[in-house]
Amino acid sequence: MKTRLVAAVGLAAAGVVTALSFSPSAQATPPTYLEYGSYNWNDQCLSVGHAGQVNHTWSAYYCVTVTPSGPTGPGLYDLYVQR
């Protein structure tokens, strides 16, 4: 009886270790984005991001609205790039 219990616990532990070693989070890390610059208009941010991607300066980009532009004046948009 005791050896069956030990064998069952050993197999269960091996199954947990195997599942953890093949989990997606252990295999792949998320891409790292760096802040490249800040712009007053969303169009400026997007055009600089697109130009850098077309020129192969970075592989991906996105813009974050810090303060939206409006009728009273420009806003603030941060460009993040992945190299």
N, C-alpha and C. Protein backbone atom coordinates (compact mmCIF):
# COMPACT_ATOMS: atom_id res chain seq x y z
N MET A 1 0.83 -1.20 0.00
CA MET A 1 0.00 0.00 0.00
C MET A 1 0.86 1.26 0.00
N LYS A 2 1.92 1.23 0.82
CA LYS A 2 2.78 2.40 0.94
C LYS A 2 3.52 2.68 -0.37
N THR A 3 3.97 1.65 -1.08
CA THR A 3 4.68 1.88 -2.34
C THR A 3 3.76 2.42 -3.41
N ARG A 4 2.49 2.01 -3.40
CA ARG A 4 1.54 2.56 -4.37
C ARG A 4 1.32 4.05 -4.14
N LEU A 5 1.23 4.44 -2.87
CA LEU A 5 1.03 5.85 -2.54
C LEU A 5 2.24 6.68 -2.96
N VAL A 6 3.43 6.17 -2.69
CA VAL A 6 4.66 6.87 -3.07
C VAL A 6 4.76 6.98 -4.59
N ALA A 7 4.41 5.92 -5.29
CA ALA A 7 4.46 5.95 -6.76
C ALA A 7 3.44 6.94 -7.31
N ALA A 8 2.26 6.98 -6.74
CA ALA A 8 1.23 7.91 -7.20
C ALA A 8 1.64 9.35 -6.97
N VAL A 9 2.23 9.64 -5.82
CA VAL A 9 2.69 10.99 -5.53
C VAL A 9 3.83 11.37 -6.46
N GLY A 10 4.72 10.44 -6.74
CA GLY A 10 5.84 10.70 -7.66
C GLY A 10 5.36 11.00 -9.06
N LEU A 11 4.37 10.25 -9.54
CA LEU A 11 3.83 10.51 -10.88
C LEU A 11 3.10 11.84 -10.94
N ALA A 12 2.38 12.19 -9.91
CA ALA A 12 1.68 13.47 -9.88
C ALA A 12 2.68 14.62 -9.90
N ALA A 13 3.74 14.51 -9.13
CA ALA A 13 4.76 15.56 -9.10
C ALA A 13 5.44 15.70 -10.46
N ALA A 14 5.70 14.58 -11.12
CA ALA A 14 6.32 14.62 -12.45
C ALA A 14 5.39 15.30 -13.44
N GLY A 15 4.10 15.06 -13.32
CA GLY A 15 3.13 15.70 -14.21
C GLY A 15 3.08 17.21 -14.02
N VAL A 16 3.18 17.67 -12.78
CA VAL A 16 3.18 19.11 -12.49
C VAL A 16 4.44 19.76 -13.06
N VAL A 17 5.58 19.13 -12.88
CA VAL A 17 6.84 19.69 -13.39
C VAL A 17 6.79 19.76 -14.91
N THR A 18 6.26 18.73 -15.55
CA THR A 18 6.16 18.74 -17.01
C THR A 18 5.23 19.85 -17.48
N ALA A 19 4.09 20.02 -16.82
CA ALA A 19 3.15 21.06 -17.21
C ALA A 19 3.76 22.44 -17.04
N LEU A 20 4.52 22.66 -15.99
CA LEU A 20 5.14 23.96 -15.77
C LEU A 20 6.23 24.25 -16.79
N SER A 21 6.96 23.24 -17.21
CA SER A 21 8.05 23.48 -18.15
C SER A 21 7.54 23.78 -19.56
N PHE A 22 6.31 23.39 -19.88
CA PHE A 22 5.76 23.66 -21.20
C PHE A 22 4.74 24.78 -21.21
N SER A 23 4.61 25.51 -20.12
CA SER A 23 3.64 26.59 -20.09
C SER A 23 4.09 27.72 -21.02
N PRO A 24 3.14 28.40 -21.68
CA PRO A 24 3.51 29.47 -22.62
C PRO A 24 4.28 30.61 -21.97
N SER A 25 3.96 30.95 -20.73
CA SER A 25 4.66 32.05 -20.10
C SER A 25 6.12 31.73 -19.84
N ALA A 26 6.44 30.47 -19.67
CA ALA A 26 7.84 30.09 -19.45
C ALA A 26 8.61 30.07 -20.76
N GLN A 27 7.93 29.91 -21.87
CA GLN A 27 8.59 29.78 -23.16
C GLN A 27 8.83 31.12 -23.85
N ALA A 28 7.89 32.04 -23.76
CA ALA A 28 7.99 33.28 -24.52
C ALA A 28 7.91 34.48 -23.58
N THR A 29 8.73 35.47 -23.84
CA THR A 29 8.66 36.71 -23.06
C THR A 29 7.99 37.77 -23.92
N PRO A 30 7.25 38.68 -23.32
CA PRO A 30 6.58 39.71 -24.11
C PRO A 30 7.60 40.66 -24.72
N PRO A 31 7.27 41.25 -25.86
CA PRO A 31 8.19 42.20 -26.48
C PRO A 31 8.41 43.42 -25.59
N THR A 32 9.59 43.97 -25.66
CA THR A 32 9.93 45.13 -24.86
C THR A 32 9.83 46.39 -25.72
N TYR A 33 9.06 47.33 -25.25
CA TYR A 33 8.92 48.62 -25.93
C TYR A 33 9.64 49.69 -25.12
N LEU A 34 10.31 50.61 -25.81
CA LEU A 34 11.00 51.72 -25.18
C LEU A 34 10.36 53.03 -25.62
N GLU A 35 10.32 53.99 -24.71
CA GLU A 35 9.79 55.30 -25.08
C GLU A 35 10.79 56.00 -25.98
N TYR A 36 10.32 56.42 -27.15
CA TYR A 36 11.21 57.05 -28.12
C TYR A 36 11.11 58.57 -28.08
N GLY A 37 9.90 59.10 -27.93
CA GLY A 37 9.74 60.55 -27.94
C GLY A 37 8.32 60.96 -27.61
N SER A 38 8.12 62.27 -27.47
CA SER A 38 6.81 62.85 -27.18
C SER A 38 6.47 63.87 -28.26
N TYR A 39 5.20 63.90 -28.64
CA TYR A 39 4.76 64.77 -29.73
C TYR A 39 3.48 65.50 -29.32
N ASN A 40 3.21 66.64 -29.96
CA ASN A 40 2.05 67.46 -29.62
C ASN A 40 0.77 67.00 -30.30
N TRP A 41 0.89 66.27 -31.39
CA TRP A 41 -0.29 65.84 -32.14
C TRP A 41 -0.19 64.35 -32.40
N ASN A 42 -1.32 63.68 -32.40
CA ASN A 42 -1.35 62.23 -32.64
C ASN A 42 -0.82 61.90 -34.04
N ASP A 43 -1.13 62.74 -35.02
CA ASP A 43 -0.63 62.51 -36.39
C ASP A 43 0.89 62.52 -36.44
N GLN A 44 1.51 63.42 -35.69
CA GLN A 44 2.98 63.47 -35.65
C GLN A 44 3.53 62.17 -35.07
N CYS A 45 2.96 61.73 -33.97
CA CYS A 45 3.42 60.51 -33.32
C CYS A 45 3.30 59.31 -34.25
N LEU A 46 2.15 59.19 -34.90
CA LEU A 46 1.93 58.06 -35.80
C LEU A 46 2.83 58.11 -37.03
N SER A 47 3.07 59.30 -37.57
CA SER A 47 3.91 59.39 -38.76
C SER A 47 5.37 59.07 -38.45
N VAL A 48 5.88 59.51 -37.31
CA VAL A 48 7.25 59.18 -36.92
C VAL A 48 7.36 57.68 -36.66
N GLY A 49 6.37 57.11 -36.00
CA GLY A 49 6.37 55.67 -35.76
C GLY A 49 6.34 54.87 -37.04
N HIS A 50 5.50 55.28 -37.97
CA HIS A 50 5.41 54.59 -39.26
C HIS A 50 6.71 54.71 -40.06
N ALA A 51 7.29 55.91 -40.07
CA ALA A 51 8.55 56.12 -40.81
C ALA A 51 9.66 55.24 -40.26
N GLY A 52 9.75 55.12 -38.95
CA GLY A 52 10.77 54.26 -38.34
C GLY A 52 10.58 52.80 -38.68
N GLN A 53 9.32 52.38 -38.77
CA GLN A 53 9.06 50.99 -39.12
C GLN A 53 9.37 50.72 -40.60
N VAL A 54 9.02 51.65 -41.47
CA VAL A 54 9.32 51.50 -42.90
C VAL A 54 10.83 51.49 -43.13
N ASN A 55 11.57 52.32 -42.40
CA ASN A 55 13.03 52.39 -42.55
C ASN A 55 13.76 51.30 -41.79
N HIS A 56 13.03 50.39 -41.14
CA HIS A 56 13.60 49.28 -40.37
C HIS A 56 14.43 49.76 -39.18
N THR A 57 14.10 50.94 -38.65
CA THR A 57 14.75 51.43 -37.44
C THR A 57 14.22 50.66 -36.24
N TRP A 58 12.92 50.33 -36.26
CA TRP A 58 12.30 49.48 -35.24
C TRP A 58 11.26 48.60 -35.91
N SER A 59 10.88 47.55 -35.19
CA SER A 59 9.97 46.57 -35.81
C SER A 59 8.50 46.88 -35.54
N ALA A 60 8.19 47.55 -34.45
CA ALA A 60 6.80 47.87 -34.13
C ALA A 60 6.76 49.15 -33.31
N TYR A 61 5.59 49.77 -33.24
CA TYR A 61 5.43 51.01 -32.49
C TYR A 61 3.98 51.18 -32.06
N TYR A 62 3.76 52.04 -31.10
CA TYR A 62 2.42 52.49 -30.75
C TYR A 62 2.51 53.83 -30.05
N CYS A 63 1.43 54.60 -30.08
CA CYS A 63 1.36 55.91 -29.46
C CYS A 63 0.38 55.87 -28.29
N VAL A 64 0.75 56.54 -27.21
CA VAL A 64 -0.09 56.63 -26.02
C VAL A 64 -0.51 58.08 -25.85
N THR A 65 -1.80 58.30 -25.67
CA THR A 65 -2.32 59.64 -25.44
C THR A 65 -2.16 59.99 -23.97
N VAL A 66 -1.29 60.96 -23.68
CA VAL A 66 -1.12 61.44 -22.31
C VAL A 66 -2.16 62.53 -22.04
N THR A 67 -2.21 63.51 -22.93
CA THR A 67 -3.21 64.57 -22.90
C THR A 67 -3.72 64.76 -24.32
N PRO A 68 -5.01 64.60 -24.56
CA PRO A 68 -5.50 64.74 -25.93
C PRO A 68 -5.46 66.19 -26.41
N SER A 69 -5.19 66.35 -27.69
CA SER A 69 -5.24 67.70 -28.28
C SER A 69 -6.70 68.07 -28.50
N GLY A 70 -6.95 69.35 -28.55
CA GLY A 70 -8.33 69.81 -28.72
C GLY A 70 -8.37 71.20 -29.30
N PRO A 71 -9.51 71.84 -29.24
CA PRO A 71 -9.66 73.18 -29.81
C PRO A 71 -8.82 74.23 -29.10
N THR A 72 -8.43 73.97 -27.87
CA THR A 72 -7.63 74.95 -27.12
C THR A 72 -6.15 74.83 -27.38
N GLY A 73 -5.70 73.74 -28.03
CA GLY A 73 -4.28 73.62 -28.31
C GLY A 73 -3.83 72.18 -28.43
N PRO A 74 -2.51 72.01 -28.56
CA PRO A 74 -1.96 70.68 -28.74
C PRO A 74 -2.03 69.86 -27.45
N GLY A 75 -1.86 68.58 -27.63
CA GLY A 75 -1.84 67.66 -26.50
C GLY A 75 -0.45 67.08 -26.32
N LEU A 76 -0.39 65.88 -25.77
CA LEU A 76 0.89 65.19 -25.56
C LEU A 76 0.70 63.72 -25.88
N TYR A 77 1.52 63.21 -26.80
CA TYR A 77 1.45 61.83 -27.25
C TYR A 77 2.85 61.23 -27.16
N ASP A 78 2.97 60.09 -26.47
CA ASP A 78 4.26 59.40 -26.32
C ASP A 78 4.34 58.26 -27.32
N LEU A 79 5.50 58.17 -27.98
CA LEU A 79 5.76 57.11 -28.96
C LEU A 79 6.62 56.04 -28.31
N TYR A 80 6.16 54.80 -28.37
CA TYR A 80 6.91 53.65 -27.86
C TYR A 80 7.28 52.77 -29.04
N VAL A 81 8.54 52.30 -29.08
CA VAL A 81 9.02 51.50 -30.20
C VAL A 81 9.62 50.21 -29.68
N GLN A 82 9.58 49.20 -30.56
CA GLN A 82 10.22 47.91 -30.28
C GLN A 82 11.36 47.74 -31.27
N ARG A 83 12.54 47.58 -30.77
CA ARG A 83 13.72 47.45 -31.65
C ARG A 83 14.01 46.05 -31.99
